[in-house]
C-alpha atoms as a PDB file:
ATOM      1  CA  MET A   1     106.133  98.556 113.689  1.00  0.00           C
ATOM      2  CA  GLU A   2     102.537  98.588 112.497  1.00  0.00           C
ATOM      3  CA  ASN A   3     102.002  98.986 108.760  1.00  0.00           C
ATOM      4  CA  THR A   4     100.151 102.305 108.996  1.00  0.00           C
ATOM      5  CA  LYS A   5     102.882 103.834 111.162  1.00  0.00           C
ATOM      6  CA  ALA A   6     105.650 102.546 108.879  1.00  0.00           C
ATOM      7  CA  ARG A   7     103.880 103.968 105.819  1.00  0.00           C
ATOM      8  CA  THR A   8     103.485 107.359 107.499  1.00  0.00           C
ATOM      9  CA  ILE A   9     107.186 107.450 108.315  1.00  0.00           C
ATOM     10  CA  VAL A  10     108.226 106.461 104.776  1.00  0.00           C
ATOM     11  CA  GLU A  11     105.869 109.037 103.232  1.00  0.00           C
ATOM     12  CA  ASN A  12     107.356 111.808 105.402  1.00  0.00           C
ATOM     13  CA  ILE A  13     110.957 110.628 105.688  1.00  0.00           C
ATOM     14  CA  ASP A  14     112.287 113.468 103.522  1.00  0.00           C
ATOM     15  CA  ASP A  15     111.801 115.866 106.438  1.00  0.00           C
ATOM     16  CA  LEU A  16     113.564 113.444 108.778  1.00  0.00           C
ATOM     17  CA  VAL A  17     116.506 113.097 106.363  1.00  0.00           C
ATOM     18  CA  ASP A  18     116.769 116.895 106.121  1.00  0.00           C
ATOM     19  CA  LEU A  19     116.790 117.134 109.895  1.00  0.00           C
ATOM     20  CA  CYS A  20     119.229 114.269 110.589  1.00  0.00           C
ATOM     21  CA  LEU A  21     121.868 114.718 107.906  1.00  0.00           C
ATOM     22  CA  PRO A  22     124.052 117.827 108.042  1.00  0.00           C
ATOM     23  CA  PRO A  23     124.081 120.202 105.037  1.00  0.00           C
ATOM     24  CA  SER A  24     127.781 119.453 104.613  1.00  0.00           C
ATOM     25  CA  ASP A  25     126.918 115.839 103.695  1.00  0.00           C
ATOM     26  CA  LEU A  26     124.860 116.749 100.623  1.00  0.00           C
ATOM     27  CA  GLY A  27     125.892 113.652  98.627  1.00  0.00           C
ATOM     28  CA  ARG A  28     124.681 111.234 101.302  1.00  0.00           C
ATOM     29  CA  LYS A  29     121.516 113.260 101.823  1.00  0.00           C
ATOM     30  CA  ASN A  30     120.692 113.131  98.090  1.00  0.00           C
ATOM     31  CA  LYS A  31     121.318 109.363  97.976  1.00  0.00           C
ATOM     32  CA  TRP A  32     118.926 108.895 100.894  1.00  0.00           C
ATOM     33  CA  LEU A  33     116.216 111.021  99.277  1.00  0.00           C
ATOM     34  CA  LYS A  34     116.608 109.291  95.907  1.00  0.00           C
ATOM     35  CA  ALA A  35     116.599 105.807  97.505  1.00  0.00           C
ATOM     36  CA  VAL A  36     113.461 106.536  99.481  1.00  0.00           C
ATOM     37  CA  SER A  37     111.751 108.021  96.432  1.00  0.00           C
ATOM     38  CA  HIS A  38     112.375 104.822  94.433  1.00  0.00           C
ATOM     39  CA  TYR A  39     111.311 102.701  97.394  1.00  0.00           C
ATOM     40  CA  ARG A  40     107.994 104.597  97.602  1.00  0.00           C
ATOM     41  CA  ASP A  41     107.406 104.254  93.853  1.00  0.00           C
ATOM     42  CA  SER A  42     108.066 100.500  93.959  1.00  0.00           C
ATOM     43  CA  MET A  43     105.749 100.064  96.953  1.00  0.00           C
ATOM     44  CA  THR A  44     102.964 101.936  95.168  1.00  0.00           C
ATOM     45  CA  ILE A  45     103.104  99.315  92.412  1.00  0.00           C
ATOM     46  CA  LEU A  46     103.433  96.428  94.874  1.00  0.00           C
ATOM     47  CA  ARG A  47     100.388  97.553  96.916  1.00  0.00           C
ATOM     48  CA  LYS A  48      98.057  97.555  93.921  1.00  0.00           C
ATOM     49  CA  LYS A  49      94.787  96.077  95.172  1.00  0.00           C
ATOM     50  CA  ASP A  50      92.881  95.007  92.073  1.00  0.00           C
ATOM     51  CA  GLY A  51      93.786  93.159  88.899  1.00  0.00           C
ATOM     52  CA  ASN A  52      97.130  91.647  88.026  1.00  0.00           C
ATOM     53  CA  TYR A  53     100.284  93.637  87.359  1.00  0.00           C
ATOM     54  CA  THR A  54     100.813  94.752  83.796  1.00  0.00           C
ATOM     55  CA  THR A  55     104.111  94.132  82.011  1.00  0.00           C
ATOM     56  CA  GLU A  56     104.884  97.849  82.303  1.00  0.00           C
ATOM     57  CA  GLU A  57     104.200  97.834  86.068  1.00  0.00           C
ATOM     58  CA  LEU A  58     106.507  94.850  86.549  1.00  0.00           C
ATOM     59  CA  LYS A  59     109.212  96.594  84.505  1.00  0.00           C
ATOM     60  CA  GLN A  60     108.835  99.814  86.524  1.00  0.00           C
ATOM     61  CA  TYR A  61     108.894  97.855  89.776  1.00  0.00           C
ATOM     62  CA  LYS A  62     112.162  96.197  88.738  1.00  0.00           C
ATOM     63  CA  ILE A  63     113.730  99.557  87.785  1.00  0.00           C
ATOM     64  CA  HIS A  64     112.698 101.280  91.025  1.00  0.00           C
ATOM     65  CA  THR A  65     113.820  98.324  93.132  1.00  0.00           C
ATOM     66  CA  SER A  66     117.197  98.069  91.386  1.00  0.00           C
ATOM     67  CA  ILE A  67     117.948 101.769  91.857  1.00  0.00           C
ATOM     68  CA  PHE A  68     116.782 101.612  95.477  1.00  0.00           C
ATOM     69  CA  GLY A  69     118.932  98.508  96.104  1.00  0.00           C
ATOM     70  CA  ASN A  70     122.088 100.016  94.622  1.00  0.00           C
ATOM     71  CA  LEU A  71     121.706 103.208  96.622  1.00  0.00           C
ATOM     72  CA  TRP A  72     120.805 101.363  99.823  1.00  0.00           C
ATOM     73  CA  ILE A  73     123.876  99.142  99.611  1.00  0.00           C
ATOM     74  CA  GLU A  74     126.075 102.175  98.897  1.00  0.00           C
ATOM     75  CA  LEU A  75     124.657 103.882 101.981  1.00  0.00           C
ATOM     76  CA  HIS A  76     124.664 100.972 104.450  1.00  0.00           C
ATOM     77  CA  GLN A  77     126.622  98.007 103.018  1.00  0.00           C
ATOM     78  CA  HIS A  78     125.720  94.686 104.665  1.00  0.00           C
ATOM     79  CA  ARG A  79     124.448  96.387 107.872  1.00  0.00           C
ATOM     80  CA  GLY A  80     121.410  97.676 106.006  1.00  0.00           C
ATOM     81  CA  MET A  81     120.400  94.268 104.682  1.00  0.00           C
ATOM     82  CA  THR A  82     117.340  93.048 106.574  1.00  0.00           C
ATOM     83  CA  ASN A  83     115.082  90.166 105.548  1.00  0.00           C
ATOM     84  CA  TYR A  84     112.706  92.599 103.858  1.00  0.00           C
ATOM     85  CA  THR A  85     115.362  94.548 101.964  1.00  0.00           C
ATOM     86  CA  HIS A  86     116.945  91.270 100.852  1.00  0.00           C
ATOM     87  CA  MET A  87     113.588  89.977  99.541  1.00  0.00           C
ATOM     88  CA  LYS A  88     113.045  93.237  97.672  1.00  0.00           C
ATOM     89  CA  ILE A  89     116.560  93.872  96.317  1.00  0.00           C
ATOM     90  CA  SER A  90     117.380  90.270  95.350  1.00  0.00           C
ATOM     91  CA  GLY A  91     114.282  90.020  93.144  1.00  0.00           C
ATOM     92  CA  HIS A  92     112.386  87.462  95.225  1.00  0.00           C
ATOM     93  CA  VAL A  93     109.356  89.743  95.512  1.00  0.00           C
ATOM     94  CA  LEU A  94     109.395  90.414  91.755  1.00  0.00           C
ATOM     95  CA  GLU A  95     109.525  86.649  91.109  1.00  0.00           C
ATOM     96  CA  HIS A  96     106.429  86.233  93.293  1.00  0.00           C
ATOM     97  CA  MET A  97     104.667  89.070  91.483  1.00  0.00           C
ATOM     98  CA  ILE A  98     105.345  87.393  88.133  1.00  0.00           C
ATOM     99  CA  GLU A  99     104.497  83.885  89.336  1.00  0.00           C
ATOM    100  CA  TRP A 100     101.422  84.572  91.487  1.00  0.00           C
ATOM    101  CA  GLY A 101     100.043  87.843  90.130  1.00  0.00           C
ATOM    102  CA  ASN A 102      98.649  90.482  92.437  1.00  0.00           C
ATOM    103  CA  LEU A 103     100.113  89.888  95.894  1.00  0.00           C
ATOM    104  CA  TYR A 104      97.405  91.862  97.712  1.00  0.00           C
ATOM    105  CA  ARG A 105      95.288  88.695  97.938  1.00  0.00           C
ATOM    106  CA  TYR A 106      98.052  87.178 100.077  1.00  0.00           C
ATOM    107  CA  SER A 107      98.159  90.163 102.409  1.00  0.00           C
ATOM    108  CA  GLN A 108      99.163  89.436 105.993  1.00  0.00           C
ATOM    109  CA  GLN A 109      97.383  92.442 107.481  1.00  0.00           C
ATOM    110  CA  GLY A 110      95.077  90.197 109.491  1.00  0.00           C
ATOM    111  CA  TRP A 111      98.089  88.452 110.983  1.00  0.00           C
ATOM    112  CA  GLU A 112      99.767  91.788 111.728  1.00  0.00           C
ATOM    113  CA  ALA A 113      96.576  93.036 113.398  1.00  0.00           C
ATOM    114  CA  LEU A 114      96.515  89.908 115.558  1.00  0.00           C
ATOM    115  CA  ASN A 115     100.168  90.466 116.531  1.00  0.00           C
ATOM    116  CA  SER A 116      99.301  94.031 117.471  1.00  0.00           C
ATOM    117  CA  LEU A 117      96.391  92.824 119.617  1.00  0.00           C
ATOM    118  CA  ILE A 118      98.616  90.293 121.405  1.00  0.00           C
ATOM    119  CA  LYS A 119     101.316  92.883 122.111  1.00  0.00           C
ATOM    120  CA  ARG A 120      98.781  95.396 123.391  1.00  0.00           C
ATOM    121  CA  PHE A 121      97.078  92.737 125.537  1.00  0.00           C
ATOM    122  CA  PHE A 122     100.401  91.480 126.913  1.00  0.00           C
ATOM    123  CA  PHE A 123     101.686  94.909 127.921  1.00  0.00           C
ATOM    124  CA  MET A 124      98.401  96.395 129.144  1.00  0.00           C
ATOM    125  CA  ARG A 125      96.328  93.474 130.453  1.00  0.00           C
ATOM    126  CA  THR A 126      98.781  90.977 131.957  1.00  0.00           C
ATOM    127  CA  ASN A 127     101.364  91.112 134.704  1.00  0.00           C
ATOM    128  CA  LYS A 128     104.013  90.016 132.139  1.00  0.00           C
ATOM    129  CA  GLY A 129     104.791  86.739 133.861  1.00  0.00           C
ATOM    130  CA  GLY A 130     104.761  88.110 137.412  1.00  0.00           C
ATOM    131  CA  GLY A 131     101.942  87.658 139.812  1.00  0.00           C
ATOM    132  CA  ALA A 132     100.856  86.549 143.231  1.00  0.00           C
ATOM    133  CA  LYS A 133     100.790  82.979 144.557  1.00  0.00           C
ATOM    134  CA  GLY A 134     103.169  81.520 142.003  1.00  0.00           C
ATOM    135  CA  ALA A 135     101.090  82.330 138.894  1.00  0.00           C
ATOM    136  CA  ARG A 136     103.902  83.312 136.546  1.00  0.00           C
ATOM    137  CA  SER A 137     102.822  82.152 133.107  1.00  0.00           C
ATOM    138  CA  ARG A 138     103.159  84.598 130.231  1.00  0.00           C
ATOM    139  CA  LEU A 139     101.172  82.341 127.912  1.00  0.00           C
ATOM    140  CA  VAL A 140      98.087  81.468 129.972  1.00  0.00           C
ATOM    141  CA  PRO A 141      96.510  84.970 129.788  1.00  0.00           C
ATOM    142  CA  ILE A 142      97.108  85.095 126.024  1.00  0.00           C
ATOM    143  CA  ALA A 143      95.718  81.565 125.575  1.00  0.00           C
ATOM    144  CA  ARG A 144      92.589  82.605 127.496  1.00  0.00           C
ATOM    145  CA  LEU A 145      92.248  85.659 125.225  1.00  0.00           C
ATOM    146  CA  PHE A 146      92.399  83.365 122.176  1.00  0.00           C
ATOM    147  CA  GLN A 147      89.793  81.034 123.677  1.00  0.00           C
ATOM    148  CA  ARG A 148      87.411  83.907 124.383  1.00  0.00           C
ATOM    149  CA  ARG A 149      87.891  85.374 120.888  1.00  0.00           C
ATOM    150  CA  LEU A 150      87.358  81.974 119.263  1.00  0.00           C
ATOM    151  CA  LEU A 151      84.138  81.413 121.193  1.00  0.00           C
ATOM    152  CA  TRP A 152      82.756  84.856 120.345  1.00  0.00           C
ATOM    153  CA  MET A 153      83.879  84.902 116.708  1.00  0.00           C
ATOM    154  CA  SER A 154      82.496  81.419 116.020  1.00  0.00           C
ATOM    155  CA  GLY A 155      79.129  82.243 117.596  1.00  0.00           C
ATOM    156  CA  LEU A 156      79.448  79.409 120.129  1.00  0.00           C
ATOM    157  CA  ALA A 157      79.472  81.806 123.062  1.00  0.00           C
ATOM    158  CA  GLN A 158      76.144  83.348 122.055  1.00  0.00           C
ATOM    159  CA  LYS A 159      74.598  79.903 121.548  1.00  0.00           C
ATOM    160  CA  PHE A 160      75.911  78.683 124.897  1.00  0.00           C
ATOM    161  CA  LEU A 161      74.662  81.787 126.718  1.00  0.00           C
ATOM    162  CA  ALA A 162      71.280  81.605 124.982  1.00  0.00           C
ATOM    163  CA  ALA A 163      70.935  77.922 125.917  1.00  0.00           C
ATOM    164  CA  GLU A 164      71.866  78.671 129.549  1.00  0.00           C
ATOM    165  CA  ASP A 165      69.385  81.560 129.692  1.00  0.00           C
ATOM    166  CA  LYS A 166      66.649  79.363 128.171  1.00  0.00           C
ATOM    167  CA  LYS A 167      67.377  76.730 130.810  1.00  0.00           C
ATOM    168  CA  LYS A 168      67.167  79.283 133.650  1.00  0.00           C
ATOM    169  CA  LEU A 169      64.010  80.772 132.177  1.00  0.00           C
ATOM    170  CA  ALA A 170      62.437  77.317 131.906  1.00  0.00           C
ATOM    171  CA  GLU A 171      63.293  76.651 135.555  1.00  0.00           C
ATOM    172  CA  LYS A 172      61.699  79.950 136.617  1.00  0.00           C
ATOM    173  CA  THR A 173      58.614  79.183 134.513  1.00  0.00           C
ATOM    174  CA  SER A 174      58.211  75.724 136.047  1.00  0.00           C
ATOM    175  CA  LYS A 175      58.429  77.288 139.521  1.00  0.00           C
ATOM    176  CA  GLY A 176      55.823  79.862 138.564  1.00  0.00           C
ATOM    177  CA  THR A 177      58.069  82.904 139.051  1.00  0.00           C
ATOM    178  CA  VAL A 178      57.680  84.008 135.407  1.00  0.00           C
ATOM    179  CA  ASN A 179      54.384  84.020 133.528  1.00  0.00           C
ATOM    180  CA  ASP A 180      54.140  81.929 130.335  1.00  0.00           C
ATOM    181  CA  ASP A 181      53.633  84.902 127.996  1.00  0.00           C
ATOM    182  CA  ASP A 182      56.946  86.475 129.088  1.00  0.00           C
ATOM    183  CA  ALA A 183      58.706  83.140 128.718  1.00  0.00           C
ATOM    184  CA  ASP A 184      57.489  82.711 125.107  1.00  0.00           C
ATOM    185  CA  ASP A 185      58.717  86.213 124.226  1.00  0.00           C
ATOM    186  CA  ASP A 186      62.124  85.476 125.748  1.00  0.00           C
ATOM    187  CA  PHE A 187      62.441  82.158 123.895  1.00  0.00           C
ATOM    188  CA  GLU A 188      61.689  83.909 120.589  1.00  0.00           C
ATOM    189  CA  TYR A 189      64.281  86.588 121.403  1.00  0.00           C
ATOM    190  CA  TYR A 190      66.962  83.977 122.143  1.00  0.00           C
ATOM    191  CA  ASP A 191      66.089  81.992 119.026  1.00  0.00           C
ATOM    192  CA  GLU A 192      66.669  85.160 116.981  1.00  0.00           C
ATOM    193  CA  LEU A 193      69.936  85.836 118.848  1.00  0.00           C
ATOM    194  CA  VAL A 194      71.266  82.351 118.102  1.00  0.00           C
ATOM    195  CA  HIS A 195      70.469  82.603 114.372  1.00  0.00           C
ATOM    196  CA  VAL A 196      72.044  86.049 113.882  1.00  0.00           C
END
């Protein structure tokens, strides 16, 4: 799930817990609400964007994570242990915070955005491995997307197109189909385009 959607769910999960757990199971409901509250508090510290964590922030993170972990294991036992909850509850994330400082600089949001783009492209712009005349690759359309993005993001596509247009314009000029004043203006325009 995308980060923004997951955050929205976690921020509003109290309403979902109220809706999903029956009033007769008040103990479980309270454990859920308390666990999520400590999870949110720990994530607020973890998502700090500037400066390193203070000793007090690290201490608070450890407290919130420990309480969350104890409650989570009580609620779900080993079935609730995912890679992320393990990293958080076992103290691996805290070790990284202490060792490397502010973790925001190592954010993987760019990678997550790329994953989102690939999923969207795969489900909306490809035939998911099917196709006419034996073309059944799932990877070729995604590889072509990467090639196009690389060319555009590196500026090579603009340079290539500008060079091709200059070549065509030069051919037209030599044939006399374009006057020299227009050609000079176009060359200046393409020179500016290439250096942008």
